Protein backbone atom coordinates (compact mmCIF):
# COMPACT_ATOMS: atom_id res chain seq x y z
CA MET A 1 0.21 -0.10 -0.05
CA LEU A 2 1.33 3.51 -0.96
CA VAL A 3 1.50 6.39 1.98
CA SER A 4 2.41 9.00 -0.70
CA GLY A 5 -1.02 9.38 -2.50
CA PRO A 6 -4.07 7.97 -3.49
CA ARG A 7 -4.45 4.17 -2.09
CA CYS A 8 -5.53 3.38 -5.53
CA LEU A 9 -2.58 4.93 -7.43
CA SER A 10 -0.46 2.32 -9.36
CA ALA A 11 3.22 2.06 -8.94
CA GLN A 12 3.03 0.71 -12.11
CA ALA A 13 1.37 3.41 -14.14
CA ASP A 14 3.94 5.80 -15.55
CA VAL A 15 2.07 8.86 -15.74
CA HIS A 16 0.45 10.36 -13.09
CA ARG A 17 -1.42 13.77 -12.13
CA VAL A 18 -0.08 16.17 -9.89
CA LEU A 19 -2.43 19.10 -8.28
CA VAL A 20 -0.98 22.00 -7.03
CA GLY A 21 -2.98 23.93 -4.01
CA THR A 22 -1.83 27.79 -3.69
CA PHE A 23 -2.23 31.33 -1.59
CA THR A 24 -4.56 33.84 -3.81
CA ASP A 25 -4.14 36.51 -1.39
CA ALA A 26 -2.78 39.60 -4.03
CA LEU A 27 -3.03 42.09 -1.40
CA GLY A 28 -0.48 39.64 0.90
CA GLU A 29 -2.85 40.78 4.19
CA ASN A 30 -2.69 37.21 5.41
CA VAL A 31 0.55 35.78 3.79
CA PRO A 32 3.30 34.97 6.33
CA THR A 33 5.52 38.03 6.74
CA TYR A 34 8.82 35.43 6.32
CA PHE A 35 7.59 34.70 2.84
CA GLY A 36 9.21 38.27 2.17
CA LYS A 37 7.63 41.33 0.18
CA ARG A 38 5.34 40.15 -2.65
CA ASP A 39 5.28 41.38 -6.15
CA PRO A 40 1.63 42.56 -6.17
CA GLY A 41 1.15 41.02 -9.72
CA ASN A 42 2.66 38.10 -9.05
CA THR A 43 -0.38 36.45 -7.38
CA SER A 44 -2.11 33.06 -8.08
CA ARG A 45 -5.76 32.11 -9.15
CA GLY A 46 -6.09 28.72 -7.38
CA LEU A 47 -5.64 25.51 -8.24
CA TYR A 48 -3.18 24.12 -10.76
CA THR A 49 -1.83 20.81 -11.89
CA PHE A 50 0.77 18.92 -14.15
CA THR A 51 1.47 15.46 -15.32
CA PHE A 52 4.58 13.38 -13.74
CA ASP A 53 6.00 10.44 -15.86
CA SER A 54 7.90 8.23 -13.35
CA ALA A 55 9.51 6.44 -15.76
CA THR A 56 11.44 9.52 -17.35
CA GLY A 57 11.03 12.16 -14.29
CA ARG A 58 10.05 14.38 -16.36
CA ALA A 59 7.34 17.41 -15.62
CA GLY A 60 4.36 18.19 -18.06
CA ASP A 61 3.25 22.04 -18.64
CA ILE A 62 1.48 23.66 -15.44
CA SER A 63 -1.99 25.01 -16.03
CA LEU A 64 -4.79 26.33 -13.87
CA ALA A 65 -7.20 23.40 -13.07
CA ALA A 66 -9.55 25.66 -10.96
CA GLU A 67 -10.29 29.32 -10.18
CA VAL A 68 -10.80 29.44 -6.27
CA SER A 69 -9.34 31.55 -3.62
CA ASN A 70 -6.73 30.03 -0.94
CA PRO A 71 -6.98 26.23 -1.71
CA PHE A 72 -4.17 25.89 0.48
CA ASN A 73 -4.36 22.53 2.09
CA LEU A 74 -5.19 19.69 0.10
CA ILE A 75 -6.68 16.35 0.97
CA MET A 76 -7.05 13.52 -1.90
CA HIS A 77 -9.98 10.70 -1.88
CA SER A 78 -9.18 7.41 -1.64
CA ASN A 79 -10.17 6.79 -5.28
CA GLY A 80 -7.78 9.93 -6.45
CA ARG A 81 -10.58 11.36 -8.37
CA VAL A 82 -12.00 13.80 -5.88
CA LEU A 83 -10.03 16.76 -4.33
CA TYR A 84 -10.94 18.28 -1.30
CA ALA A 85 -9.68 22.00 -0.70
CA CYS A 86 -9.27 23.29 3.02
CA ARG A 87 -9.52 27.09 2.19
CA TRP A 88 -7.49 29.19 4.76
CA PRO A 89 -8.06 32.02 5.16
CA THR A 90 -11.04 32.00 2.90
CA GLN A 91 -14.11 32.18 5.79
CA ILE A 92 -17.89 32.43 5.55
CA ASP A 93 -19.76 33.23 8.94
CA GLY A 94 -16.46 33.31 10.97
CA GLN A 95 -15.53 29.45 9.57
CA ASN A 96 -12.73 28.43 7.28
CA ILE A 97 -14.50 26.30 4.57
CA ILE A 98 -14.01 22.99 2.30
CA THR A 99 -14.75 22.79 -1.59
CA ALA A 100 -15.14 19.65 -3.46
CA PHE A 101 -13.65 19.56 -6.60
CA ALA A 102 -14.25 16.24 -9.26
CA VAL A 103 -10.88 15.55 -11.40
CA GLU A 104 -11.82 15.80 -14.69
CA GLY A 105 -8.34 15.44 -16.58
CA ALA A 106 -6.28 18.74 -16.47
CA GLN A 107 -9.63 20.58 -14.89
CA LEU A 108 -11.08 20.47 -11.82
CA ARG A 109 -15.37 20.79 -11.40
CA GLU A 110 -16.65 22.01 -7.86
CA LEU A 111 -19.22 19.66 -6.48
CA ASN A 112 -19.87 21.59 -3.34
CA THR A 113 -18.76 23.52 -0.24
CA VAL A 114 -18.87 23.02 3.35
CA ARG A 115 -18.07 25.28 6.35
CA THR A 116 -15.49 23.10 8.57
CA GLY A 117 -16.40 24.56 11.98
CA GLY A 118 -13.69 26.53 12.97
CA ARG A 119 -10.61 28.01 11.41
CA GLY A 120 -7.09 27.07 10.40
CA THR A 121 -8.26 23.68 8.47
CA THR A 122 -5.37 21.82 7.65
CA VAL A 123 -4.42 18.38 6.06
CA GLY A 124 -6.51 15.26 6.47
CA VAL A 125 -7.20 12.27 5.32
CA VAL A 126 -10.47 10.20 3.61
CA ASP A 127 -10.84 6.10 4.58
CA ARG A 128 -10.45 3.59 2.38
CA ALA A 129 -14.29 3.24 1.41
CA GLY A 130 -14.53 6.96 0.67
CA ARG A 131 -17.20 7.41 3.38
CA ASN A 132 -15.69 9.72 5.69
CA LEU A 133 -13.49 12.48 5.50
CA LEU A 134 -11.09 13.62 8.52
CA THR A 135 -9.54 16.74 9.13
CA ALA A 136 -8.42 19.55 11.89
CA ASN A 137 -9.11 23.05 12.60
CA PHE A 138 -5.73 23.91 14.14
CA ILE A 139 -6.78 27.75 14.91
CA THR A 140 -9.73 26.78 16.65
CA GLY A 141 -8.67 23.68 18.13
CA SER A 142 -11.05 21.09 17.08
CA ILE A 143 -10.58 17.62 15.03
CA VAL A 144 -13.66 16.79 12.61
CA CYS A 145 -15.47 14.08 10.39
CA PHE A 146 -17.49 14.88 7.51
CA ARG A 147 -19.94 12.44 5.91
CA LEU A 148 -19.13 11.84 2.01
CA ASN A 149 -21.63 11.10 -0.71
CA LYS A 150 -21.34 9.07 -3.22
CA ASP A 151 -19.86 11.06 -5.78
CA GLY A 152 -17.47 12.56 -3.47
CA SER A 153 -18.97 15.52 -2.41
CA LEU A 154 -19.37 16.66 1.31
CA GLY A 155 -22.09 16.08 3.75
CA GLU A 156 -22.88 16.89 7.22
CA ARG A 157 -20.49 17.07 10.09
CA SER A 158 -20.52 13.95 11.73
CA ALA A 159 -18.11 14.34 14.42
CA MET A 160 -16.12 16.89 16.39
CA ILE A 161 -13.35 16.41 19.02
CA GLY A 162 -12.18 19.70 20.65
CA ASN A 163 -13.81 23.26 20.27
CA GLU A 164 -17.48 23.14 19.56
CA PRO A 165 -19.04 26.93 17.89
CA THR A 166 -21.58 28.41 19.29
CA GLY A 167 -23.80 28.31 16.12
CA ALA A 168 -25.45 25.64 13.99
CA VAL A 169 -22.92 24.72 11.48
CA PRO A 170 -25.80 23.60 8.25
CA ASN A 171 -24.99 20.99 5.75
CA ALA A 172 -23.38 21.09 2.56
CA LEU A 173 -23.94 24.01 0.50
CA PRO A 174 -23.87 23.68 -3.49
CA PRO A 175 -21.35 25.07 -5.70
CA GLY A 176 -21.89 29.17 -6.05
CA GLN A 177 -24.51 29.27 -2.87
CA ARG A 178 -23.45 31.74 -0.20
CA PRO A 179 -25.07 31.72 3.49
CA GLY A 180 -26.39 34.62 5.14
CA THR A 181 -24.21 36.37 7.94
CA GLY A 182 -24.49 35.20 11.58
CA ALA A 183 -20.65 34.54 12.58
CA THR A 184 -20.08 31.63 14.80
CA GLU A 185 -17.02 31.79 16.81
CA MET A 186 -15.11 29.50 18.73
CA GLY A 187 -12.69 29.31 21.68
CA SER A 188 -8.75 28.67 22.36
CA ALA A 189 -7.18 26.15 20.95
CA PRO A 190 -5.23 24.01 23.69
CA GLY A 191 -4.09 21.07 21.70
CA GLY A 192 -3.47 23.05 18.02
CA PRO A 193 -4.32 19.77 15.74
CA HIS A 194 -2.42 19.93 12.50
CA GLY A 195 -2.76 16.39 10.70
CA ILE A 196 -4.62 13.75 11.07
CA VAL A 197 -3.84 10.14 9.72
CA LEU A 198 -5.81 6.53 9.89
CA SER A 199 -4.56 3.18 10.98
CA THR A 200 -4.08 0.32 8.86
CA THR A 201 -7.91 -1.67 10.43
CA GLU A 202 -9.72 2.67 9.99
CA ARG A 203 -10.55 1.68 13.87
CA PHE A 204 -8.36 4.23 14.88
CA ALA A 205 -7.53 7.57 13.83
CA ILE A 206 -4.25 9.60 14.98
CA ALA A 207 -3.68 13.58 15.17
CA ALA A 208 -0.71 15.35 15.52
CA GLU A 209 -0.99 18.36 18.19
CA ILE A 210 1.17 21.06 18.04
CA SER A 211 0.58 23.50 21.23
CA GLY A 212 0.03 19.93 22.92
CA ASN A 213 2.65 18.17 22.07
CA ARG A 214 1.17 14.69 21.20
CA CYS A 215 -0.34 12.91 18.90
CA ARG A 216 -3.68 11.73 20.21
CA VAL A 217 -5.38 8.50 19.14
CA LEU A 218 -9.22 8.33 18.56
CA ARG A 219 -11.56 5.43 17.94
CA PHE A 220 -13.23 5.66 14.62
CA ASP A 221 -15.95 4.18 13.74
CA THR A 222 -16.44 4.05 10.03
CA ASP A 223 -20.09 3.34 9.88
CA LYS A 224 -21.38 6.33 11.85
CA GLY A 225 -18.55 8.50 11.28
CA SER A 226 -17.77 9.07 14.98
CA LEU A 227 -14.48 9.60 17.12
CA GLU A 228 -13.59 9.26 20.65
CA THR A 229 -10.22 9.76 22.32
CA HIS A 230 -9.01 6.92 23.18
CA GLN A 231 -5.01 7.91 23.95
CA LEU A 232 -3.12 10.90 24.24
CA ALA A 233 0.52 9.79 23.78
CA ALA A 234 3.57 12.92 24.35
CA ASP A 235 6.03 13.39 22.00
CA MET A 236 10.03 14.20 23.23
CA HIS A 237 11.65 17.12 23.71
CA GLU A 238 8.46 19.94 23.17
CA ALA A 239 8.83 18.80 19.38
CA GLY A 240 5.57 20.28 18.82
CA PRO A 241 4.01 17.30 16.23
CA ARG A 242 2.55 18.85 13.08
CA HIS A 243 2.06 16.52 10.33
CA LEU A 244 2.53 12.46 10.20
CA ALA A 245 3.55 9.71 8.07
CA TRP A 246 3.16 6.10 8.19
CA HIS A 247 5.65 3.53 7.35
CA PRO A 248 4.51 1.07 4.74
CA SER A 249 4.22 -1.69 7.31
CA TYR A 250 1.90 0.56 9.74
CA ARG A 251 4.30 -0.54 12.56
CA TYR A 252 5.81 3.00 12.76
CA LEU A 253 4.52 6.38 12.19
CA TYR A 254 6.90 9.72 11.85
CA THR A 255 5.78 13.19 13.02
CA SER A 256 7.51 16.56 11.83
CA GLY A 257 8.44 18.50 14.81
CA GLU A 258 7.31 22.16 14.24
CA LYS A 259 8.34 23.54 17.82
CA ASN A 260 12.23 21.98 18.09
CA SER A 261 12.83 21.31 14.39
CA SER A 262 12.81 17.89 14.53
CA ILE A 263 11.21 14.28 13.64
CA SER A 264 10.00 11.72 15.76
CA ALA A 265 9.87 8.04 15.51
CA TRP A 266 6.65 5.88 16.98
CA SER A 267 5.84 2.79 17.64
CA TRP A 268 2.61 1.73 16.94
CA ASN A 269 0.34 -1.47 18.14
CA GLU A 270 -2.70 -1.75 16.10
CA SER A 271 -4.72 -4.44 18.29
CA LYS A 272 -4.36 -1.95 21.34
CA GLY A 273 -4.40 1.19 19.90
CA GLU A 274 -1.01 2.12 21.44
CA LEU A 275 1.39 4.90 20.36
CA ASN A 276 4.77 5.29 21.94
CA VAL A 277 7.55 7.50 21.28
CA LEU A 278 10.78 6.12 19.89
CA GLN A 279 13.36 8.78 19.24
CA ASN A 280 13.56 12.47 18.41
CA LEU A 281 15.94 13.89 15.88
CA SER A 282 16.88 17.59 14.55
CA THR A 283 16.42 18.16 10.68
CA LEU A 284 18.30 21.59 10.84
CA PRO A 285 21.33 21.21 8.23
CA ALA A 286 24.66 21.43 10.41
CA GLY A 287 25.53 24.88 11.29
CA PHE A 288 22.53 26.70 11.04
CA THR A 289 21.55 29.28 13.95
CA GLY A 290 18.35 30.95 12.86
CA SER A 291 14.81 30.52 13.58
CA ASN A 292 13.03 27.16 11.63
CA ALA A 293 9.84 25.66 11.91
CA PRO A 294 9.15 22.04 10.29
CA ALA A 295 6.00 21.68 7.95
CA ASP A 296 5.66 18.53 5.85
CA ILE A 297 6.86 14.82 6.14
CA ALA A 298 7.16 12.50 3.27
CA MET A 299 7.70 8.57 3.08
CA HIS A 300 9.51 6.78 0.40
CA PRO A 301 7.06 4.70 -1.24
CA ARG A 302 8.95 1.43 0.22
CA GLY A 303 9.34 2.67 3.82
CA LYS A 304 13.53 2.79 3.20
CA PHE A 305 13.37 6.66 3.67
CA VAL A 306 11.30 9.40 5.13
CA TYR A 307 12.28 13.57 4.71
CA VAL A 308 10.81 16.39 6.65
CA THR A 309 10.60 19.79 4.51
CA ASN A 310 11.75 22.98 6.64
CA ARG A 311 10.37 26.52 6.56
CA ASN A 312 13.40 28.90 6.87
CA SER A 313 16.46 26.48 6.44
CA GLY A 314 16.15 25.96 2.97
CA ALA A 315 16.81 22.28 3.04
CA LEU A 316 14.67 18.83 3.02
CA ALA A 317 16.07 16.53 6.04
CA GLY A 318 16.27 12.84 4.90
CA PHE A 319 16.45 9.81 7.01
CA ARG A 320 16.93 6.34 6.45
CA ILE A 321 14.68 4.03 8.50
CA ASP A 322 16.00 0.91 10.13
CA GLN A 323 13.27 -1.94 9.14
CA SER A 324 14.18 -3.78 12.31
CA ASN A 325 12.92 -1.28 14.67
CA GLY A 326 12.10 1.89 12.82
CA LYS A 327 14.70 4.23 14.03
CA LEU A 328 15.80 6.89 11.98
CA SER A 329 19.70 7.88 10.95
CA ALA A 330 19.98 10.98 9.02
CA VAL A 331 21.30 11.03 5.76
CA ALA A 332 22.44 14.54 3.74
CA GLN A 333 19.95 17.25 3.37
CA ALA A 334 18.79 18.68 0.18
CA ALA A 335 19.06 22.05 -0.53
CA LEU A 336 15.54 23.69 -2.07
CA GLY A 337 17.43 26.84 -3.41
CA SER A 338 15.08 28.95 -1.58
CA PRO A 339 14.11 29.15 2.29
CA SER A 340 10.93 27.38 2.71
CA SER A 341 8.65 24.16 1.55
CA TRP A 342 5.51 23.87 2.78
CA SER A 343 5.22 20.40 1.08
CA MET A 344 6.40 17.36 -0.32
CA LEU A 345 5.98 14.12 -2.37
CA PHE A 346 7.88 11.00 -3.21
CA ASP A 347 6.44 9.85 -6.98
CA PRO A 348 4.93 6.21 -6.83
CA SER A 349 8.19 4.65 -8.10
CA GLY A 350 10.04 5.87 -5.68
CA LYS A 351 12.72 7.37 -7.99
CA TRP A 352 11.51 11.25 -8.20
CA ALA A 353 10.33 13.81 -5.41
CA LEU A 354 8.71 16.77 -5.86
CA ALA A 355 8.71 19.85 -3.06
CA ALA A 356 6.72 23.04 -3.16
CA ALA A 357 9.15 25.97 -2.41
CA GLN A 358 6.41 28.76 -1.55
CA ILE A 359 9.05 31.78 -1.54
CA GLY A 360 10.68 30.54 -4.65
CA ASP A 361 7.28 30.61 -6.27
CA GLU A 362 7.97 27.33 -8.02
CA VAL A 363 7.83 23.22 -7.45
CA VAL A 364 11.15 21.56 -7.59
CA VAL A 365 11.74 18.08 -9.14
CA TYR A 366 14.66 15.75 -7.41
CA SER A 367 16.09 12.27 -8.46
CA VAL A 368 16.38 10.15 -5.38
CA ASP A 369 19.45 7.67 -4.83
CA LYS A 370 17.73 4.05 -4.14
CA ASN A 371 20.34 2.95 -2.21
CA THR A 372 21.42 5.90 -0.04
CA GLY A 373 18.42 8.25 -0.37
CA LEU A 374 19.60 11.45 -1.25
CA LEU A 375 17.89 13.69 -3.77
CA LYS A 376 19.52 15.61 -6.18
CA GLN A 377 17.52 18.48 -8.42
CA THR A 378 17.37 17.12 -11.78
CA GLY A 379 17.02 21.27 -12.86
CA GLN A 380 13.22 20.99 -13.16
CA LYS A 381 11.27 23.57 -11.97
CA LEU A 382 7.60 24.79 -12.49
CA LYS A 383 7.29 27.81 -11.78
CA VAL A 384 3.80 28.78 -9.85
CA THR A 385 2.89 31.68 -7.45
CA MET A 386 3.25 30.41 -3.63
CA PRO A 387 2.78 26.62 -4.13
CA MET A 388 1.31 24.97 -0.54
CA CYS A 389 0.29 21.51 -0.90
CA LEU A 390 1.01 18.54 -3.28
CA ARG A 391 -1.57 16.01 -4.15
CA TRP A 392 -1.54 12.93 -6.84
CA ALA A 393 -4.45 12.22 -8.45
CA VAL A 394 -5.47 9.45 -10.57
CA MET A 395 -4.91 10.34 -14.37
CA SER A 396 -8.49 10.50 -16.64
């Protein structure tokens, strides 16, 4: 089973589709200050796409797939044919929104939009049967589940762990429809959930909580779309876990540590639903002394290597995985060419990697040494303004 893309994405099929989420804020009012001063004329229009050939490592031309505001974080349906854009900082009635799109070749067709029940909506996951979407509202502090319709459109919210909104959250909105006013507000965010994955049996969901410095294990009922806290597993050294990636064996889990620029290795017991931290290592280049915050974490499809993207050090941090115990050892870091990357993917063959460099306004393509895990830039850089998130989709 592949961890880096839709579960139906075949490692044997050579040509794949890549979807790119971006910031579209032309005024720069919501863009993080460390992105630097932006050219007002250099703006994004929404979701972009290009093809990638695993046999040759060549990317096709990038094009606009859908014009939409701030498709910041992306979630892919398990069938690879529906994309969910978590649109921060775009809001309706004080809440961020998620828009579902059908993938139709190089175009995306909007299905519908729902309010998320909070703000700061981040990356998430869809279960294998395509019945539920799980995500987190980082700023307002909640983990939520939405039921999915047969066509992949978003249905009602079936569960929320954390801060409840003070007002009702209506059901899904049809394409183009905007609700009335009446803001709903939420309280503080003690856990700061920022990523969520499902276990191999899907009996459990695991959410990384930055400010809580822990991973929350939740019992998950796929039939009901319900969530219930099962375990709070503390991370090491105030790491602040942000994103998560499974080893293909599902015996080990890895998290990027936003607070202390690190990666943590965890062991996982599926029968008990227990997570235990094993190790915490730095993701910083040798001699780097500036401020830094890791973002994404990407697992090699064969489970040999795992990488963490850094924001500010300008490097992708790689680690070799000991298959006998899940522990890590560092491999040489890969230069990005600009200060920050928010998202990274290995291609299904494991021969190539892609990184979104939002400050450099480009997607960078790397070759992967199958023995050492070292990344080397191929010279291909696809220009796109403020790319934030990369996802694989099924070619159609």
